[in-house]
Amino acid sequence: MTGKRTRIINDPSDLVPLLQAFGSDVHKKVFDELSLEWHTERELAALVGDEALVRRSVALLRKSGLVETKWRVPEPGGSPEKEYHSTYSRVQANFGASMEDLAELIHLTFMSDEELRGVTEKLYQQVNGGNTSLSNLAREMGLSQVFIRGVAKRAESLTVRGQRIELYEEEH
């Protein structure tokens, strides 16, 4: 049954998008609406009142794996639209982390986009240039692997795949 599954978190960096999503009134409202039923971005914008924020919320929730997508069959003569619904209704955390790593991830989560822009841009340039190894990126940038994983989870254009950071391309 949709939306009744448990999200298992084995990596502390997975907390970054969760805290980011539920630390925002708009993201939380979008998630709450998607927990109740399927909605299109247009319907969510009518409920929330801001189309740009809804688009950003849906992108964040999709990237973090918290919502699923399907195409809504249109009325005759209409265009199909993507609609969204929450994937999970529960979470189970199963990881160990040093207090230093956990503090770093929580701090990273609540940094402003401006504070993080330089690191995100440098990481994007490194990955775009072919340096995708987490250990190489940490050494090159002088940052911890935990911090780099967290930045990639937060960045719209990056994703984590095992021990690699890759460019994120949303499927259409």
C-alpha atoms as a PDB file:
ATOM      1  CA  MET A   1       0.000   0.000   0.000  1.00  0.00           C
ATOM      2  CA  THR A   2       1.430   3.370  -1.014  1.00  0.00           C
ATOM      3  CA  GLY A   3       2.806   5.623   1.705  1.00  0.00           C
ATOM      4  CA  LYS A   4       2.789   2.946   4.420  1.00  0.00           C
ATOM      5  CA  ARG A   5       6.394   1.830   4.132  1.00  0.00           C
ATOM      6  CA  THR A   6       9.277   2.458   6.523  1.00  0.00           C
ATOM      7  CA  ARG A   7      12.303   4.458   5.355  1.00  0.00           C
ATOM      8  CA  ILE A   8      15.436   2.873   6.783  1.00  0.00           C
ATOM      9  CA  ILE A   9      18.345   5.252   7.246  1.00  0.00           C
ATOM     10  CA  ASN A  10      21.758   3.593   7.393  1.00  0.00           C
ATOM     11  CA  ASP A  11      23.850   6.671   6.568  1.00  0.00           C
ATOM     12  CA  PRO A  12      23.830   9.729   8.840  1.00  0.00           C
ATOM     13  CA  SER A  13      24.078  12.027   5.788  1.00  0.00           C
ATOM     14  CA  ASP A  14      20.534  10.910   4.896  1.00  0.00           C
ATOM     15  CA  LEU A  15      19.418  13.113   7.794  1.00  0.00           C
ATOM     16  CA  VAL A  16      20.367  16.250   5.824  1.00  0.00           C
ATOM     17  CA  PRO A  17      17.481  16.171   3.313  1.00  0.00           C
ATOM     18  CA  LEU A  18      15.058  14.936   5.993  1.00  0.00           C
ATOM     19  CA  LEU A  19      15.899  17.757   8.391  1.00  0.00           C
ATOM     20  CA  GLN A  20      15.897  20.216   5.512  1.00  0.00           C
ATOM     21  CA  ALA A  21      12.460  19.058   4.353  1.00  0.00           C
ATOM     22  CA  PHE A  22      10.848  19.072   7.778  1.00  0.00           C
ATOM     23  CA  GLY A  23      12.614  22.220   8.940  1.00  0.00           C
ATOM     24  CA  SER A  24      10.628  24.275   6.442  1.00  0.00           C
ATOM     25  CA  ASP A  25       6.918  25.059   6.854  1.00  0.00           C
ATOM     26  CA  VAL A  26       6.355  24.897   3.091  1.00  0.00           C
ATOM     27  CA  HIS A  27       8.211  21.600   2.563  1.00  0.00           C
ATOM     28  CA  LYS A  28       6.386  20.054   5.526  1.00  0.00           C
ATOM     29  CA  LYS A  29       2.983  21.252   4.272  1.00  0.00           C
ATOM     30  CA  VAL A  30       3.712  19.810   0.816  1.00  0.00           C
ATOM     31  CA  PHE A  31       4.785  16.492   2.367  1.00  0.00           C
ATOM     32  CA  ASP A  32       1.702  16.429   4.619  1.00  0.00           C
ATOM     33  CA  GLU A  33      -0.591  16.979   1.631  1.00  0.00           C
ATOM     34  CA  LEU A  34       1.179  14.247  -0.323  1.00  0.00           C
ATOM     35  CA  SER A  35       0.766  11.883   2.629  1.00  0.00           C
ATOM     36  CA  LEU A  36      -2.997  12.230   2.294  1.00  0.00           C
ATOM     37  CA  GLU A  37      -3.420  11.763  -1.454  1.00  0.00           C
ATOM     38  CA  TRP A  38      -1.901  12.170  -4.908  1.00  0.00           C
ATOM     39  CA  HIS A  39      -1.451  15.794  -6.071  1.00  0.00           C
ATOM     40  CA  THR A  40       0.025  17.613  -9.055  1.00  0.00           C
ATOM     41  CA  GLU A  41       2.337  20.594  -8.576  1.00  0.00           C
ATOM     42  CA  ARG A  42      -0.511  22.828  -9.738  1.00  0.00           C
ATOM     43  CA  GLU A  43      -2.830  21.465  -7.042  1.00  0.00           C
ATOM     44  CA  LEU A  44      -0.132  21.838  -4.398  1.00  0.00           C
ATOM     45  CA  ALA A  45       0.505  25.441  -5.479  1.00  0.00           C
ATOM     46  CA  ALA A  46      -3.209  26.167  -4.998  1.00  0.00           C
ATOM     47  CA  LEU A  47      -3.018  24.705  -1.470  1.00  0.00           C
ATOM     48  CA  VAL A  48       0.296  26.308  -0.479  1.00  0.00           C
ATOM     49  CA  GLY A  49       0.074  29.518  -2.491  1.00  0.00           C
ATOM     50  CA  ASP A  50       3.534  29.667  -4.092  1.00  0.00           C
ATOM     51  CA  GLU A  51       4.314  27.726  -7.255  1.00  0.00           C
ATOM     52  CA  ALA A  52       8.095  28.249  -7.095  1.00  0.00           C
ATOM     53  CA  LEU A  53       8.315  27.001  -3.490  1.00  0.00           C
ATOM     54  CA  VAL A  54       6.133  23.999  -4.321  1.00  0.00           C
ATOM     55  CA  ARG A  55       8.385  23.112  -7.270  1.00  0.00           C
ATOM     56  CA  ARG A  56      11.440  23.334  -4.996  1.00  0.00           C
ATOM     57  CA  SER A  57       9.725  21.257  -2.281  1.00  0.00           C
ATOM     58  CA  VAL A  58       8.731  18.535  -4.723  1.00  0.00           C
ATOM     59  CA  ALA A  59      12.274  18.444  -6.156  1.00  0.00           C
ATOM     60  CA  LEU A  60      13.766  18.130  -2.655  1.00  0.00           C
ATOM     61  CA  LEU A  61      11.299  15.418  -1.636  1.00  0.00           C
ATOM     62  CA  ARG A  62      11.869  13.497  -4.882  1.00  0.00           C
ATOM     63  CA  LYS A  63      15.657  13.674  -4.643  1.00  0.00           C
ATOM     64  CA  SER A  64      15.551  12.421  -1.064  1.00  0.00           C
ATOM     65  CA  GLY A  65      13.255   9.546  -2.094  1.00  0.00           C
ATOM     66  CA  LEU A  66      10.309  10.672   0.020  1.00  0.00           C
ATOM     67  CA  VAL A  67       7.770  10.921  -2.808  1.00  0.00           C
ATOM     68  CA  GLU A  68       6.899   8.815  -5.801  1.00  0.00           C
ATOM     69  CA  THR A  69       5.609   9.977  -9.162  1.00  0.00           C
ATOM     70  CA  LYS A  70       3.123   8.814 -11.758  1.00  0.00           C
ATOM     71  CA  TRP A  71       1.405  10.376 -14.724  1.00  0.00           C
ATOM     72  CA  ARG A  72      -2.195  11.491 -14.302  1.00  0.00           C
ATOM     73  CA  VAL A  73      -4.397  10.606 -17.251  1.00  0.00           C
ATOM     74  CA  PRO A  74      -5.786  13.871 -18.580  1.00  0.00           C
ATOM     75  CA  GLU A  75      -9.327  14.834 -19.363  1.00  0.00           C
ATOM     76  CA  PRO A  76     -10.031  14.529 -23.099  1.00  0.00           C
ATOM     77  CA  GLY A  77      -8.054  17.238 -24.875  1.00  0.00           C
ATOM     78  CA  GLY A  78      -5.836  17.914 -21.821  1.00  0.00           C
ATOM     79  CA  SER A  79      -2.157  17.248 -21.236  1.00  0.00           C
ATOM     80  CA  PRO A  80      -0.920  14.574 -18.846  1.00  0.00           C
ATOM     81  CA  GLU A  81       0.565  15.890 -15.591  1.00  0.00           C
ATOM     82  CA  LYS A  82       2.911  14.316 -13.097  1.00  0.00           C
ATOM     83  CA  GLU A  83       1.367  13.714  -9.727  1.00  0.00           C
ATOM     84  CA  TYR A  84       3.104  12.913  -6.476  1.00  0.00           C
ATOM     85  CA  HIS A  85       2.453  10.973  -3.288  1.00  0.00           C
ATOM     86  CA  SER A  86       4.555  10.279  -0.206  1.00  0.00           C
ATOM     87  CA  THR A  87       6.468   7.022  -0.294  1.00  0.00           C
ATOM     88  CA  TYR A  88       6.990   6.505   3.436  1.00  0.00           C
ATOM     89  CA  SER A  89       4.978   7.018   6.578  1.00  0.00           C
ATOM     90  CA  ARG A  90       7.635   5.867   9.056  1.00  0.00           C
ATOM     91  CA  VAL A  91      11.383   6.149   9.510  1.00  0.00           C
ATOM     92  CA  GLN A  92      13.887   3.887  11.246  1.00  0.00           C
ATOM     93  CA  ALA A  93      17.433   5.100  11.845  1.00  0.00           C
ATOM     94  CA  ASN A  94      20.136   2.475  12.112  1.00  0.00           C
ATOM     95  CA  PHE A  95      23.549   4.104  12.110  1.00  0.00           C
ATOM     96  CA  GLY A  96      26.386   5.124  14.339  1.00  0.00           C
ATOM     97  CA  ALA A  97      28.189   8.436  14.052  1.00  0.00           C
ATOM     98  CA  SER A  98      30.614  10.445  16.095  1.00  0.00           C
ATOM     99  CA  MET A  99      29.160  13.517  17.775  1.00  0.00           C
ATOM    100  CA  GLU A 100      31.533  15.579  15.626  1.00  0.00           C
ATOM    101  CA  ASP A 101      30.125  14.098  12.391  1.00  0.00           C
ATOM    102  CA  LEU A 102      26.536  14.452  13.585  1.00  0.00           C
ATOM    103  CA  ALA A 103      27.140  18.064  14.638  1.00  0.00           C
ATOM    104  CA  GLU A 104      28.717  18.773  11.249  1.00  0.00           C
ATOM    105  CA  LEU A 105      25.708  17.330   9.399  1.00  0.00           C
ATOM    106  CA  ILE A 106      23.183  19.235  11.502  1.00  0.00           C
ATOM    107  CA  HIS A 107      25.145  22.470  11.056  1.00  0.00           C
ATOM    108  CA  LEU A 108      25.334  21.830   7.296  1.00  0.00           C
ATOM    109  CA  THR A 109      21.583  21.242   7.122  1.00  0.00           C
ATOM    110  CA  PHE A 110      20.752  24.640   8.538  1.00  0.00           C
ATOM    111  CA  MET A 111      23.430  26.681   6.763  1.00  0.00           C
ATOM    112  CA  SER A 112      21.993  29.240   4.366  1.00  0.00           C
ATOM    113  CA  ASP A 113      22.343  28.656   0.634  1.00  0.00           C
ATOM    114  CA  GLU A 114      24.716  31.640   0.549  1.00  0.00           C
ATOM    115  CA  GLU A 115      26.980  30.157   3.233  1.00  0.00           C
ATOM    116  CA  LEU A 116      27.171  26.875   1.334  1.00  0.00           C
ATOM    117  CA  ARG A 117      27.381  28.246  -2.221  1.00  0.00           C
ATOM    118  CA  GLY A 118      31.203  28.292  -2.469  1.00  0.00           C
ATOM    119  CA  VAL A 119      31.599  24.696  -1.290  1.00  0.00           C
ATOM    120  CA  THR A 120      28.732  23.482  -3.476  1.00  0.00           C
ATOM    121  CA  GLU A 121      30.126  25.192  -6.578  1.00  0.00           C
ATOM    122  CA  LYS A 122      33.639  23.855  -5.976  1.00  0.00           C
ATOM    123  CA  LEU A 123      32.273  20.338  -5.418  1.00  0.00           C
ATOM    124  CA  TYR A 124      30.179  20.590  -8.587  1.00  0.00           C
ATOM    125  CA  GLN A 125      33.232  21.720 -10.595  1.00  0.00           C
ATOM    126  CA  GLN A 126      35.324  18.830  -9.239  1.00  0.00           C
ATOM    127  CA  VAL A 127      32.629  16.261 -10.059  1.00  0.00           C
ATOM    128  CA  ASN A 128      31.931  17.791 -13.468  1.00  0.00           C
ATOM    129  CA  GLY A 129      35.679  17.569 -14.152  1.00  0.00           C
ATOM    130  CA  GLY A 130      35.673  13.827 -13.465  1.00  0.00           C
ATOM    131  CA  ASN A 131      36.749  13.729  -9.797  1.00  0.00           C
ATOM    132  CA  THR A 132      33.887  11.691  -8.354  1.00  0.00           C
ATOM    133  CA  SER A 133      35.643   9.589  -5.689  1.00  0.00           C
ATOM    134  CA  LEU A 134      34.542  10.587  -2.201  1.00  0.00           C
ATOM    135  CA  SER A 135      38.016  10.024  -0.730  1.00  0.00           C
ATOM    136  CA  ASN A 136      39.708  12.018  -3.531  1.00  0.00           C
ATOM    137  CA  LEU A 137      37.194  14.860  -3.167  1.00  0.00           C
ATOM    138  CA  ALA A 138      37.752  14.988   0.597  1.00  0.00           C
ATOM    139  CA  ARG A 139      41.508  15.146   0.115  1.00  0.00           C
ATOM    140  CA  GLU A 140      41.341  17.738  -2.711  1.00  0.00           C
ATOM    141  CA  MET A 141      38.868  20.004  -0.924  1.00  0.00           C
ATOM    142  CA  GLY A 142      40.240  19.563   2.601  1.00  0.00           C
ATOM    143  CA  LEU A 143      36.810  18.562   3.931  1.00  0.00           C
ATOM    144  CA  SER A 144      35.537  15.438   5.675  1.00  0.00           C
ATOM    145  CA  GLN A 145      33.816  12.724   3.677  1.00  0.00           C
ATOM    146  CA  VAL A 146      30.747  13.110   5.912  1.00  0.00           C
ATOM    147  CA  PHE A 147      30.522  16.817   5.101  1.00  0.00           C
ATOM    148  CA  ILE A 148      30.926  16.201   1.347  1.00  0.00           C
ATOM    149  CA  ARG A 149      28.212  13.503   1.412  1.00  0.00           C
ATOM    150  CA  GLY A 150      25.932  15.935   3.234  1.00  0.00           C
ATOM    151  CA  VAL A 151      26.618  18.728   0.740  1.00  0.00           C
ATOM    152  CA  ALA A 152      25.864  16.373  -2.156  1.00  0.00           C
ATOM    153  CA  LYS A 153      22.609  15.252  -0.506  1.00  0.00           C
ATOM    154  CA  ARG A 154      21.598  18.891  -0.053  1.00  0.00           C
ATOM    155  CA  ALA A 155      22.695  20.187  -3.480  1.00  0.00           C
ATOM    156  CA  GLU A 156      20.113  20.101  -6.249  1.00  0.00           C
ATOM    157  CA  SER A 157      22.694  19.165  -8.898  1.00  0.00           C
ATOM    158  CA  LEU A 158      24.618  16.398  -7.068  1.00  0.00           C
ATOM    159  CA  THR A 159      23.857  12.960  -5.682  1.00  0.00           C
ATOM    160  CA  VAL A 160      25.643  10.233  -3.735  1.00  0.00           C
ATOM    161  CA  ARG A 161      26.105   6.794  -5.287  1.00  0.00           C
ATOM    162  CA  GLY A 162      28.039   4.565  -2.904  1.00  0.00           C
ATOM    163  CA  GLN A 163      31.518   6.064  -2.525  1.00  0.00           C
ATOM    164  CA  ARG A 164      31.063   8.420  -5.479  1.00  0.00           C
ATOM    165  CA  ILE A 165      29.497  11.839  -5.935  1.00  0.00           C
ATOM    166  CA  GLU A 166      27.748  12.218  -9.289  1.00  0.00           C
ATOM    167  CA  LEU A 167      25.764  14.813 -11.170  1.00  0.00           C
ATOM    168  CA  TYR A 168      22.071  14.508 -10.371  1.00  0.00           C
ATOM    169  CA  GLU A 169      19.700  14.315 -13.296  1.00  0.00           C
ATOM    170  CA  GLU A 170      16.025  14.013 -12.495  1.00  0.00           C
ATOM    171  CA  GLU A 171      14.203  11.581 -14.747  1.00  0.00           C
ATOM    172  CA  HIS A 172      11.362  13.144 -16.673  1.00  0.00           C
END
